[in-house]
Amino acid sequence: MRRFADAVAYGLPEPNAMVFSTADPAGRPSSRTVLLKGYDARGFVCYTNYHSRKGAEALSNPYAALVFPWFAMHRQVVVTGNVAPVDRAETEAYFAARPRDSQLGAWASAQSQVVPDRAALDESFVAAGERFGAGEVPAPPHWGGLRIAPQTVEFWQGRSSRLHDRLRFRRADGGAWVVERLAP
């Protein structure tokens, strides 16, 4: 994605930070910032605990929106699409490349669940370290990737006139992309 390369070249901090929006089965939305960890022709990938709020929502109501808010460049990219878990081999390959503390953290944190205090989280992290010792830390079975397969991708470019440029690529029946200019 050329826009992503532009954001990296611009020197933005965390250019792969994206707002990930999901909704529960009743349609109540929620959003949080996550990191894009991969993208290709199949879609955009992030990783999470499937039992977390975002994981559970994405799997029970498999449609999401992503926003890359590149404010310093006066740009944003908005993606909407279907969500599906990545295959286990892809999850395990990514997990193996993570820093060890991040691997242990995936085991230590019951993400999105209430904890009594910071000490309980720290104790859980120590226990994960003791469990695996100096050995390999496998990907937890409840942890993995989510791929958002785009149905629309909107490129927004701010302009001082407030007549911003908005180009939306929309996947039509049969998979071809239709390009539409939207009024700001």
N, C-alpha and C. Protein backbone atom coordinates (compact mmCIF):
# COMPACT_ATOMS: atom_id res chain seq x y z
N MET A 1 0.86 -1.17 0.00
CA MET A 1 0.00 0.00 0.00
C MET A 1 0.91 1.24 0.00
N ARG A 2 0.81 1.98 -1.07
CA ARG A 2 1.65 3.16 -1.21
C ARG A 2 1.42 4.18 -0.09
N ARG A 3 0.19 4.35 0.33
CA ARG A 3 -0.09 5.32 1.40
C ARG A 3 0.63 4.95 2.69
N PHE A 4 0.69 3.66 2.99
CA PHE A 4 1.40 3.22 4.19
C PHE A 4 2.88 3.53 4.07
N ALA A 5 3.45 3.27 2.92
CA ALA A 5 4.87 3.58 2.69
C ALA A 5 5.11 5.08 2.84
N ASP A 6 4.17 5.90 2.38
CA ASP A 6 4.28 7.35 2.55
C ASP A 6 4.30 7.73 4.04
N ALA A 7 3.43 7.09 4.82
CA ALA A 7 3.37 7.39 6.27
C ALA A 7 4.66 6.99 6.96
N VAL A 8 5.24 5.87 6.56
CA VAL A 8 6.53 5.44 7.13
C VAL A 8 7.61 6.43 6.75
N ALA A 9 7.67 6.81 5.47
CA ALA A 9 8.69 7.74 4.98
C ALA A 9 8.55 9.11 5.63
N TYR A 10 7.33 9.50 5.95
CA TYR A 10 7.08 10.79 6.59
C TYR A 10 7.65 10.83 8.01
N GLY A 11 7.84 9.66 8.59
CA GLY A 11 8.38 9.57 9.94
C GLY A 11 7.34 9.61 11.03
N LEU A 12 6.11 9.27 10.70
CA LEU A 12 5.06 9.26 11.72
C LEU A 12 5.39 8.24 12.81
N PRO A 13 5.14 8.58 14.06
CA PRO A 13 5.30 7.56 15.11
C PRO A 13 4.16 6.54 14.95
N GLU A 14 4.50 5.28 15.01
CA GLU A 14 3.52 4.20 14.89
C GLU A 14 2.59 4.36 13.66
N PRO A 15 3.15 4.42 12.46
CA PRO A 15 2.28 4.56 11.29
C PRO A 15 1.34 3.38 11.11
N ASN A 16 1.64 2.25 11.77
CA ASN A 16 0.78 1.08 11.68
C ASN A 16 -0.32 1.06 12.75
N ALA A 17 -0.42 2.13 13.55
CA ALA A 17 -1.51 2.22 14.53
C ALA A 17 -2.82 2.49 13.78
N MET A 18 -3.83 1.74 14.15
CA MET A 18 -5.13 1.90 13.49
C MET A 18 -6.23 1.75 14.53
N VAL A 19 -7.29 2.48 14.33
CA VAL A 19 -8.47 2.35 15.18
C VAL A 19 -9.28 1.19 14.61
N PHE A 20 -9.54 0.21 15.45
CA PHE A 20 -10.24 -1.01 15.06
C PHE A 20 -11.61 -0.96 15.72
N SER A 21 -12.67 -0.91 14.90
CA SER A 21 -14.03 -0.80 15.42
C SER A 21 -14.82 -2.05 15.10
N THR A 22 -15.48 -2.55 16.12
CA THR A 22 -16.32 -3.73 16.01
C THR A 22 -17.65 -3.42 16.69
N ALA A 23 -18.56 -4.37 16.63
CA ALA A 23 -19.83 -4.23 17.35
C ALA A 23 -20.19 -5.58 17.93
N ASP A 24 -20.86 -5.55 19.07
CA ASP A 24 -21.29 -6.81 19.68
C ASP A 24 -22.52 -7.34 18.92
N PRO A 25 -23.02 -8.50 19.28
CA PRO A 25 -24.16 -9.06 18.54
C PRO A 25 -25.41 -8.16 18.55
N ALA A 26 -25.52 -7.29 19.55
CA ALA A 26 -26.67 -6.37 19.60
C ALA A 26 -26.41 -5.09 18.80
N GLY A 27 -25.23 -4.98 18.21
CA GLY A 27 -24.93 -3.81 17.39
C GLY A 27 -24.29 -2.66 18.13
N ARG A 28 -23.96 -2.83 19.41
CA ARG A 28 -23.31 -1.76 20.18
C ARG A 28 -21.85 -1.69 19.77
N PRO A 29 -21.40 -0.54 19.27
CA PRO A 29 -20.03 -0.44 18.76
C PRO A 29 -19.00 -0.22 19.86
N SER A 30 -17.76 -0.58 19.54
CA SER A 30 -16.62 -0.25 20.39
C SER A 30 -15.41 -0.09 19.49
N SER A 31 -14.48 0.72 19.93
CA SER A 31 -13.27 1.00 19.17
C SER A 31 -12.07 0.98 20.09
N ARG A 32 -10.92 0.65 19.53
CA ARG A 32 -9.67 0.70 20.27
C ARG A 32 -8.56 0.79 19.24
N THR A 33 -7.39 1.25 19.66
CA THR A 33 -6.24 1.34 18.77
C THR A 33 -5.44 0.05 18.87
N VAL A 34 -5.13 -0.52 17.72
CA VAL A 34 -4.31 -1.73 17.64
C VAL A 34 -3.23 -1.47 16.59
N LEU A 35 -2.33 -2.42 16.45
CA LEU A 35 -1.25 -2.28 15.47
C LEU A 35 -1.46 -3.23 14.30
N LEU A 36 -1.36 -2.69 13.11
CA LEU A 36 -1.37 -3.49 11.90
C LEU A 36 -0.10 -4.32 11.88
N LYS A 37 -0.23 -5.62 11.72
CA LYS A 37 0.94 -6.50 11.72
C LYS A 37 1.19 -7.15 10.37
N GLY A 38 0.30 -6.93 9.43
CA GLY A 38 0.51 -7.46 8.09
C GLY A 38 -0.63 -7.05 7.18
N TYR A 39 -0.34 -7.00 5.89
CA TYR A 39 -1.39 -6.78 4.91
C TYR A 39 -0.93 -7.36 3.58
N ASP A 40 -1.89 -7.84 2.84
CA ASP A 40 -1.64 -8.36 1.51
C ASP A 40 -2.97 -8.31 0.76
N ALA A 41 -3.06 -8.99 -0.36
CA ALA A 41 -4.27 -8.96 -1.18
C ALA A 41 -5.49 -9.52 -0.44
N ARG A 42 -5.25 -10.34 0.60
CA ARG A 42 -6.37 -10.91 1.36
C ARG A 42 -6.91 -9.97 2.42
N GLY A 43 -6.12 -8.96 2.85
CA GLY A 43 -6.63 -8.04 3.84
C GLY A 43 -5.58 -7.57 4.83
N PHE A 44 -6.06 -6.98 5.90
CA PHE A 44 -5.25 -6.35 6.95
C PHE A 44 -5.30 -7.23 8.20
N VAL A 45 -4.14 -7.46 8.84
CA VAL A 45 -4.08 -8.40 9.96
C VAL A 45 -3.60 -7.72 11.24
N CYS A 46 -4.30 -8.01 12.33
CA CYS A 46 -3.85 -7.65 13.67
C CYS A 46 -3.98 -8.92 14.52
N TYR A 47 -3.41 -8.91 15.70
CA TYR A 47 -3.42 -10.08 16.59
C TYR A 47 -4.00 -9.70 17.94
N THR A 48 -4.68 -10.67 18.57
CA THR A 48 -5.32 -10.41 19.84
C THR A 48 -5.67 -11.71 20.56
N ASN A 49 -6.10 -11.56 21.79
CA ASN A 49 -6.70 -12.64 22.56
C ASN A 49 -8.14 -12.76 22.04
N TYR A 50 -8.51 -13.93 21.55
CA TYR A 50 -9.86 -14.11 21.01
C TYR A 50 -10.95 -13.95 22.07
N HIS A 51 -10.58 -14.03 23.36
CA HIS A 51 -11.56 -13.85 24.43
C HIS A 51 -11.67 -12.39 24.87
N SER A 52 -10.83 -11.51 24.32
CA SER A 52 -10.93 -10.08 24.65
C SER A 52 -12.21 -9.52 24.04
N ARG A 53 -12.57 -8.33 24.44
CA ARG A 53 -13.77 -7.70 23.88
C ARG A 53 -13.68 -7.62 22.37
N LYS A 54 -12.54 -7.11 21.85
CA LYS A 54 -12.44 -6.96 20.40
C LYS A 54 -12.45 -8.30 19.69
N GLY A 55 -11.76 -9.30 20.27
CA GLY A 55 -11.74 -10.62 19.66
C GLY A 55 -13.12 -11.25 19.64
N ALA A 56 -13.80 -11.21 20.77
CA ALA A 56 -15.13 -11.81 20.87
C ALA A 56 -16.11 -11.11 19.94
N GLU A 57 -16.06 -9.77 19.91
CA GLU A 57 -16.97 -9.04 19.02
C GLU A 57 -16.68 -9.35 17.56
N ALA A 58 -15.41 -9.35 17.18
CA ALA A 58 -15.05 -9.59 15.79
C ALA A 58 -15.44 -10.99 15.33
N LEU A 59 -15.38 -11.95 16.23
CA LEU A 59 -15.73 -13.32 15.85
C LEU A 59 -17.24 -13.57 15.89
N SER A 60 -17.97 -12.86 16.74
CA SER A 60 -19.41 -13.08 16.83
C SER A 60 -20.19 -12.21 15.84
N ASN A 61 -19.64 -11.07 15.47
CA ASN A 61 -20.25 -10.16 14.51
C ASN A 61 -19.13 -9.78 13.54
N PRO A 62 -18.84 -10.65 12.57
CA PRO A 62 -17.59 -10.55 11.80
C PRO A 62 -17.53 -9.47 10.73
N TYR A 63 -17.67 -8.24 11.17
CA TYR A 63 -17.54 -7.09 10.28
C TYR A 63 -16.88 -5.99 11.09
N ALA A 64 -15.94 -5.28 10.50
CA ALA A 64 -15.20 -4.27 11.26
C ALA A 64 -14.85 -3.09 10.37
N ALA A 65 -14.41 -2.03 11.04
CA ALA A 65 -13.88 -0.85 10.35
C ALA A 65 -12.50 -0.56 10.94
N LEU A 66 -11.61 -0.10 10.10
CA LEU A 66 -10.27 0.34 10.50
C LEU A 66 -10.09 1.77 10.06
N VAL A 67 -9.42 2.56 10.89
CA VAL A 67 -9.06 3.93 10.51
C VAL A 67 -7.59 4.12 10.82
N PHE A 68 -6.83 4.51 9.79
CA PHE A 68 -5.44 4.91 9.96
C PHE A 68 -5.44 6.43 10.02
N PRO A 69 -5.29 7.03 11.21
CA PRO A 69 -5.41 8.49 11.36
C PRO A 69 -4.05 9.19 11.26
N TRP A 70 -3.63 9.47 10.06
CA TRP A 70 -2.32 10.09 9.85
C TRP A 70 -2.48 11.60 9.83
N PHE A 71 -2.80 12.18 11.00
CA PHE A 71 -3.14 13.59 11.13
C PHE A 71 -2.04 14.52 10.64
N ALA A 72 -0.80 14.22 10.97
CA ALA A 72 0.30 15.10 10.60
C ALA A 72 0.43 15.25 9.08
N MET A 73 -0.02 14.26 8.35
CA MET A 73 0.04 14.29 6.89
C MET A 73 -1.27 14.78 6.27
N HIS A 74 -2.26 15.08 7.12
CA HIS A 74 -3.60 15.46 6.66
C HIS A 74 -4.22 14.35 5.81
N ARG A 75 -4.01 13.10 6.25
CA ARG A 75 -4.52 11.95 5.54
C ARG A 75 -5.13 10.96 6.52
N GLN A 76 -6.05 10.19 5.99
CA GLN A 76 -6.51 9.02 6.71
C GLN A 76 -6.97 7.99 5.68
N VAL A 77 -6.94 6.75 6.10
CA VAL A 77 -7.45 5.66 5.29
C VAL A 77 -8.48 4.93 6.15
N VAL A 78 -9.65 4.71 5.57
CA VAL A 78 -10.75 4.04 6.27
C VAL A 78 -11.08 2.77 5.50
N VAL A 79 -11.08 1.65 6.22
CA VAL A 79 -11.34 0.34 5.63
C VAL A 79 -12.55 -0.26 6.33
N THR A 80 -13.45 -0.86 5.56
CA THR A 80 -14.52 -1.66 6.15
C THR A 80 -14.48 -3.03 5.48
N GLY A 81 -14.82 -4.06 6.25
CA GLY A 81 -14.81 -5.39 5.65
C GLY A 81 -15.15 -6.49 6.62
N ASN A 82 -15.12 -7.68 6.09
CA ASN A 82 -15.40 -8.89 6.86
C ASN A 82 -14.18 -9.31 7.65
N VAL A 83 -14.42 -9.90 8.81
CA VAL A 83 -13.35 -10.35 9.70
C VAL A 83 -13.37 -11.87 9.78
N ALA A 84 -12.17 -12.46 9.75
CA ALA A 84 -12.03 -13.90 9.95
C ALA A 84 -10.69 -14.15 10.64
N PRO A 85 -10.62 -15.20 11.46
CA PRO A 85 -9.32 -15.53 12.07
C PRO A 85 -8.34 -15.99 11.01
N VAL A 86 -7.06 -15.67 11.20
CA VAL A 86 -6.04 -16.18 10.29
C VAL A 86 -5.80 -17.65 10.63
N ASP A 87 -5.20 -18.39 9.72
CA ASP A 87 -4.98 -19.81 10.02
C ASP A 87 -3.93 -19.94 11.12
N ARG A 88 -3.97 -21.07 11.78
CA ARG A 88 -3.13 -21.29 12.96
C ARG A 88 -1.64 -21.23 12.64
N ALA A 89 -1.24 -21.72 11.48
CA ALA A 89 0.18 -21.68 11.10
C ALA A 89 0.68 -20.23 10.99
N GLU A 90 -0.15 -19.36 10.44
CA GLU A 90 0.23 -17.95 10.33
C GLU A 90 0.33 -17.30 11.72
N THR A 91 -0.61 -17.63 12.59
CA THR A 91 -0.56 -17.13 13.97
C THR A 91 0.72 -17.59 14.66
N GLU A 92 1.04 -18.86 14.56
CA GLU A 92 2.21 -19.40 15.24
C GLU A 92 3.51 -18.81 14.70
N ALA A 93 3.57 -18.58 13.41
CA ALA A 93 4.77 -17.97 12.82
C ALA A 93 4.95 -16.55 13.33
N TYR A 94 3.86 -15.78 13.39
CA TYR A 94 3.96 -14.42 13.91
C TYR A 94 4.33 -14.43 15.39
N PHE A 95 3.67 -15.30 16.16
CA PHE A 95 3.91 -15.35 17.60
C PHE A 95 5.37 -15.67 17.90
N ALA A 96 5.96 -16.59 17.14
CA ALA A 96 7.35 -16.98 17.35
C ALA A 96 8.31 -15.83 17.12
N ALA A 97 7.92 -14.85 16.32
CA ALA A 97 8.78 -13.70 16.02
C ALA A 97 8.63 -12.57 17.04
N ARG A 98 7.67 -12.67 17.94
CA ARG A 98 7.44 -11.62 18.94
C ARG A 98 8.53 -11.66 20.01
N PRO A 99 8.78 -10.52 20.66
CA PRO A 99 9.71 -10.54 21.80
C PRO A 99 9.18 -11.47 22.90
N ARG A 100 10.09 -12.08 23.62
CA ARG A 100 9.70 -13.06 24.65
C ARG A 100 8.72 -12.46 25.67
N ASP A 101 8.98 -11.24 26.13
CA ASP A 101 8.07 -10.63 27.11
C ASP A 101 6.66 -10.48 26.54
N SER A 102 6.55 -10.19 25.25
CA SER A 102 5.23 -10.09 24.61
C SER A 102 4.57 -11.47 24.54
N GLN A 103 5.37 -12.50 24.29
CA GLN A 103 4.83 -13.86 24.28
C GLN A 103 4.29 -14.22 25.66
N LEU A 104 5.08 -13.94 26.69
CA LEU A 104 4.64 -14.25 28.06
C LEU A 104 3.41 -13.43 28.43
N GLY A 105 3.38 -12.18 27.98
CA GLY A 105 2.23 -11.33 28.26
C GLY A 105 0.94 -11.89 27.68
N ALA A 106 1.03 -12.54 26.52
CA ALA A 106 -0.17 -13.14 25.92
C ALA A 106 -0.72 -14.26 26.81
N TRP A 107 0.14 -14.96 27.51
CA TRP A 107 -0.29 -15.99 28.44
C TRP A 107 -0.75 -15.38 29.77
N ALA A 108 -0.12 -14.30 30.18
CA ALA A 108 -0.37 -13.72 31.51
C ALA A 108 -1.65 -12.91 31.58
N SER A 109 -2.06 -12.31 30.48
CA SER A 109 -3.19 -11.39 30.51
C SER A 109 -4.47 -12.01 29.99
N ALA A 110 -5.49 -12.03 30.84
CA ALA A 110 -6.84 -12.38 30.40
C ALA A 110 -7.45 -11.09 29.86
N GLN A 111 -7.01 -10.72 28.68
CA GLN A 111 -7.29 -9.40 28.10
C GLN A 111 -8.77 -9.02 28.19
N SER A 112 -9.01 -7.80 28.60
CA SER A 112 -10.33 -7.18 28.75
C SER A 112 -11.08 -7.64 29.99
N GLN A 113 -10.51 -8.56 30.78
CA GLN A 113 -11.17 -9.02 31.99
C GLN A 113 -10.74 -8.15 33.18
N VAL A 114 -11.60 -8.02 34.15
CA VAL A 114 -11.31 -7.23 35.34
C VAL A 114 -10.25 -7.97 36.17
N VAL A 115 -9.23 -7.23 36.62
CA VAL A 115 -8.22 -7.78 37.52
C VAL A 115 -8.27 -6.97 38.82
N PRO A 116 -7.93 -7.60 39.94
CA PRO A 116 -8.05 -6.87 41.22
C PRO A 116 -7.09 -5.70 41.35
N ASP A 117 -5.88 -5.85 40.77
CA ASP A 117 -4.89 -4.78 40.89
C ASP A 117 -3.70 -5.10 39.98
N ARG A 118 -2.76 -4.19 39.90
CA ARG A 118 -1.59 -4.38 39.05
C ARG A 118 -0.75 -5.56 39.53
N ALA A 119 -0.70 -5.75 40.84
CA ALA A 119 0.10 -6.85 41.39
C ALA A 119 -0.36 -8.20 40.86
N ALA A 120 -1.66 -8.37 40.68
CA ALA A 120 -2.18 -9.64 40.16
C ALA A 120 -1.70 -9.87 38.73
N LEU A 121 -1.67 -8.83 37.94
CA LEU A 121 -1.18 -8.94 36.57
C LEU A 121 0.31 -9.26 36.56
N ASP A 122 1.06 -8.56 37.40
CA ASP A 122 2.50 -8.81 37.49
C ASP A 122 2.78 -10.25 37.95
N GLU A 123 2.00 -10.74 38.90
CA GLU A 123 2.17 -12.12 39.39
C GLU A 123 1.86 -13.13 38.28
N SER A 124 0.86 -12.85 37.49
CA SER A 124 0.51 -13.73 36.38
C SER A 124 1.63 -13.77 35.34
N PHE A 125 2.29 -12.63 35.13
CA PHE A 125 3.41 -12.56 34.20
C PHE A 125 4.59 -13.40 34.71
N VAL A 126 4.88 -13.27 36.00
CA VAL A 126 5.96 -14.06 36.60
C VAL A 126 5.63 -15.55 36.50
N ALA A 127 4.39 -15.91 36.76
CA ALA A 127 3.98 -17.32 36.68
C ALA A 127 4.13 -17.86 35.25
N ALA A 128 3.82 -17.05 34.25
CA ALA A 128 4.00 -17.48 32.86
C ALA A 128 5.47 -17.72 32.58
N GLY A 129 6.33 -16.84 33.09
CA GLY A 129 7.77 -17.02 32.91
C GLY A 129 8.26 -18.29 33.56
N GLU A 130 7.74 -18.59 34.74
CA GLU A 130 8.14 -19.83 35.44
C GLU A 130 7.61 -21.06 34.71
N ARG A 131 6.43 -20.95 34.16
CA ARG A 131 5.82 -22.07 33.44
C ARG A 131 6.67 -22.51 32.26
N PHE A 132 7.19 -21.53 31.51
CA PHE A 132 7.93 -21.86 30.30
C PHE A 132 9.44 -21.86 30.50
N GLY A 133 9.90 -21.34 31.64
CA GLY A 133 11.34 -21.33 31.91
C GLY A 133 12.10 -20.68 30.76
N ALA A 134 13.21 -21.27 30.39
CA ALA A 134 14.01 -20.74 29.28
C ALA A 134 13.59 -21.32 27.95
N GLY A 135 12.57 -22.18 27.95
CA GLY A 135 12.14 -22.84 26.72
C GLY A 135 11.29 -21.96 25.83
N GLU A 136 10.91 -22.54 24.72
CA GLU A 136 10.06 -21.87 23.74
C GLU A 136 8.69 -21.59 24.35
N VAL A 137 8.13 -20.43 24.00
CA VAL A 137 6.79 -20.06 24.45
C VAL A 137 5.85 -20.24 23.27
N PRO A 138 4.93 -21.19 23.33
CA PRO A 138 4.01 -21.40 22.20
C PRO A 138 2.89 -20.37 22.21
N ALA A 139 2.27 -20.19 21.08
CA ALA A 139 1.11 -19.29 21.01
C ALA A 139 -0.03 -19.90 21.81
N PRO A 140 -0.67 -19.10 22.67
CA PRO A 140 -1.82 -19.63 23.41
C PRO A 140 -2.94 -20.04 22.45
N PRO A 141 -3.72 -21.05 22.81
CA PRO A 141 -4.80 -21.48 21.91
C PRO A 141 -5.89 -20.42 21.73
N HIS A 142 -6.02 -19.51 22.69
CA HIS A 142 -7.04 -18.46 22.65
C HIS A 142 -6.52 -17.17 22.01
N TRP A 143 -5.37 -17.21 21.39
CA TRP A 143 -4.72 -16.01 20.86
C TRP A 143 -4.44 -16.23 19.38
N GLY A 144 -4.68 -15.17 18.58
CA GLY A 144 -4.40 -15.33 17.17
C GLY A 144 -4.69 -14.08 16.37
N GLY A 145 -4.58 -14.24 15.08
CA GLY A 145 -4.76 -13.12 14.17
C GLY A 145 -6.19 -12.98 13.70
N LEU A 146 -6.52 -11.75 13.36
CA LEU A 146 -7.79 -11.42 12.72
C LEU A 146 -7.46 -10.74 11.40
N ARG A 147 -8.07 -11.19 10.33
CA ARG A 147 -7.87 -10.56 9.02
C ARG A 147 -9.15 -9.84 8.62
N ILE A 148 -9.00 -8.58 8.29
CA ILE A 148 -10.13 -7.78 7.81
C ILE A 148 -10.00 -7.75 6.29
N ALA A 149 -10.91 -8.42 5.59
CA ALA A 149 -10.92 -8.47 4.13
C ALA A 149 -11.71 -7.26 3.64
N PRO A 150 -11.06 -6.30 2.99
CA PRO A 150 -11.74 -5.05 2.68
C PRO A 150 -12.87 -5.19 1.66
N GLN A 151 -13.97 -4.54 2.00
CA GLN A 151 -15.08 -4.35 1.06
C GLN A 151 -15.07 -2.92 0.53
N THR A 152 -14.60 -1.98 1.39
CA THR A 152 -14.39 -0.60 0.96
C THR A 152 -13.07 -0.12 1.54
N VAL A 153 -12.39 0.73 0.79
CA VAL A 153 -11.19 1.42 1.26
C VAL A 153 -11.33 2.86 0.80
N GLU A 154 -11.37 3.77 1.78
CA GLU A 154 -11.50 5.19 1.45
C GLU A 154 -10.19 5.91 1.78
N PHE A 155 -9.70 6.65 0.80
CA PHE A 155 -8.51 7.47 0.97
C PHE A 155 -8.96 8.91 1.10
N TRP A 156 -8.60 9.53 2.23
CA TRP A 156 -9.00 10.90 2.53
C TRP A 156 -7.74 11.75 2.58
N GLN A 157 -7.77 12.86 1.86
CA GLN A 157 -6.66 13.82 1.84
C GLN A 157 -7.23 15.18 2.20
N GLY A 158 -6.78 15.75 3.32
CA GLY A 158 -7.27 17.05 3.75
C GLY A 158 -6.80 18.17 2.84
N ARG A 159 -7.64 19.18 2.73
CA ARG A 159 -7.31 20.37 1.95
C ARG A 159 -7.72 21.60 2.76
N SER A 160 -6.98 22.67 2.61
CA SER A 160 -7.24 23.87 3.41
C SER A 160 -8.62 24.46 3.11
N SER A 161 -9.16 24.23 1.94
CA SER A 161 -10.47 24.74 1.56
C SER A 161 -11.61 23.99 2.24
N ARG A 162 -11.29 22.94 2.95
CA ARG A 162 -12.25 22.00 3.55
C ARG A 162 -12.96 21.17 2.49
N LEU A 163 -12.59 21.35 1.22
CA LEU A 163 -13.11 20.50 0.15
C LEU A 163 -12.13 19.34 -0.02
N HIS A 164 -12.10 18.50 0.99
CA HIS A 164 -11.15 17.40 1.05
C HIS A 164 -11.36 16.43 -0.11
N ASP A 165 -10.29 15.75 -0.49
CA ASP A 165 -10.39 14.69 -1.48
C ASP A 165 -10.74 13.40 -0.78
N ARG A 166 -11.78 12.74 -1.28
CA ARG A 166 -12.19 11.45 -0.74
C ARG A 166 -12.44 10.50 -1.91
N LEU A 167 -11.61 9.49 -1.99
CA LEU A 167 -11.78 8.46 -3.01
C LEU A 167 -12.07 7.15 -2.32
N ARG A 168 -13.20 6.54 -2.69
CA ARG A 168 -13.58 5.26 -2.09
C ARG A 168 -13.48 4.17 -3.16
N PHE A 169 -12.76 3.12 -2.79
CA PHE A 169 -12.71 1.92 -3.61
C PHE A 169 -13.70 0.95 -2.99
N ARG A 170 -14.66 0.51 -3.78
CA ARG A 170 -15.72 -0.37 -3.29
C ARG A 170 -15.70 -1.66 -4.11
N ARG A 171 -15.67 -2.79 -3.39
CA ARG A 171 -15.65 -4.08 -4.08
C ARG A 171 -17.07 -4.37 -4.58
N ALA A 172 -17.18 -4.54 -5.89
CA ALA A 172 -18.48 -4.83 -6.50
C ALA A 172 -18.68 -6.34 -6.57
N ASP A 173 -19.88 -6.75 -6.97
CA ASP A 173 -20.14 -8.17 -7.19
C ASP A 173 -19.12 -8.69 -8.19
N GLY A 174 -18.60 -9.85 -7.92
CA GLY A 174 -17.57 -10.42 -8.78
C GLY A 174 -16.17 -10.05 -8.36
N GLY A 175 -16.02 -9.14 -7.39
CA GLY A 175 -14.70 -8.83 -6.84
C GLY A 175 -13.98 -7.66 -7.44
N ALA A 176 -14.47 -7.09 -8.54
CA ALA A 176 -13.80 -5.94 -9.14
C ALA A 176 -13.97 -4.71 -8.24
N TRP A 177 -12.99 -3.82 -8.28
CA TRP A 177 -13.05 -2.60 -7.49
C TRP A 177 -13.66 -1.48 -8.31
N VAL A 178 -14.60 -0.75 -7.71
CA VAL A 178 -15.22 0.42 -8.31
C VAL A 178 -14.66 1.62 -7.56
N VAL A 179 -14.21 2.65 -8.28
CA VAL A 179 -13.66 3.85 -7.65
C VAL A 179 -14.73 4.95 -7.72
N GLU A 180 -14.98 5.55 -6.54
CA GLU A 180 -15.99 6.61 -6.44
C GLU A 180 -15.39 7.81 -5.72
N ARG A 181 -15.67 9.00 -6.24
CA ARG A 181 -15.27 10.22 -5.54
C ARG A 181 -16.44 10.63 -4.67
N LEU A 182 -16.15 10.89 -3.39
CA LEU A 182 -17.20 11.30 -2.44
C LEU A 182 -17.07 12.78 -2.13
N ALA A 183 -18.18 13.43 -1.96
CA ALA A 183 -18.15 14.83 -1.53
C ALA A 183 -17.68 14.88 -0.09
N PRO A 184 -16.91 15.94 0.26
CA PRO A 184 -16.44 16.02 1.63
C PRO A 184 -17.57 16.36 2.52
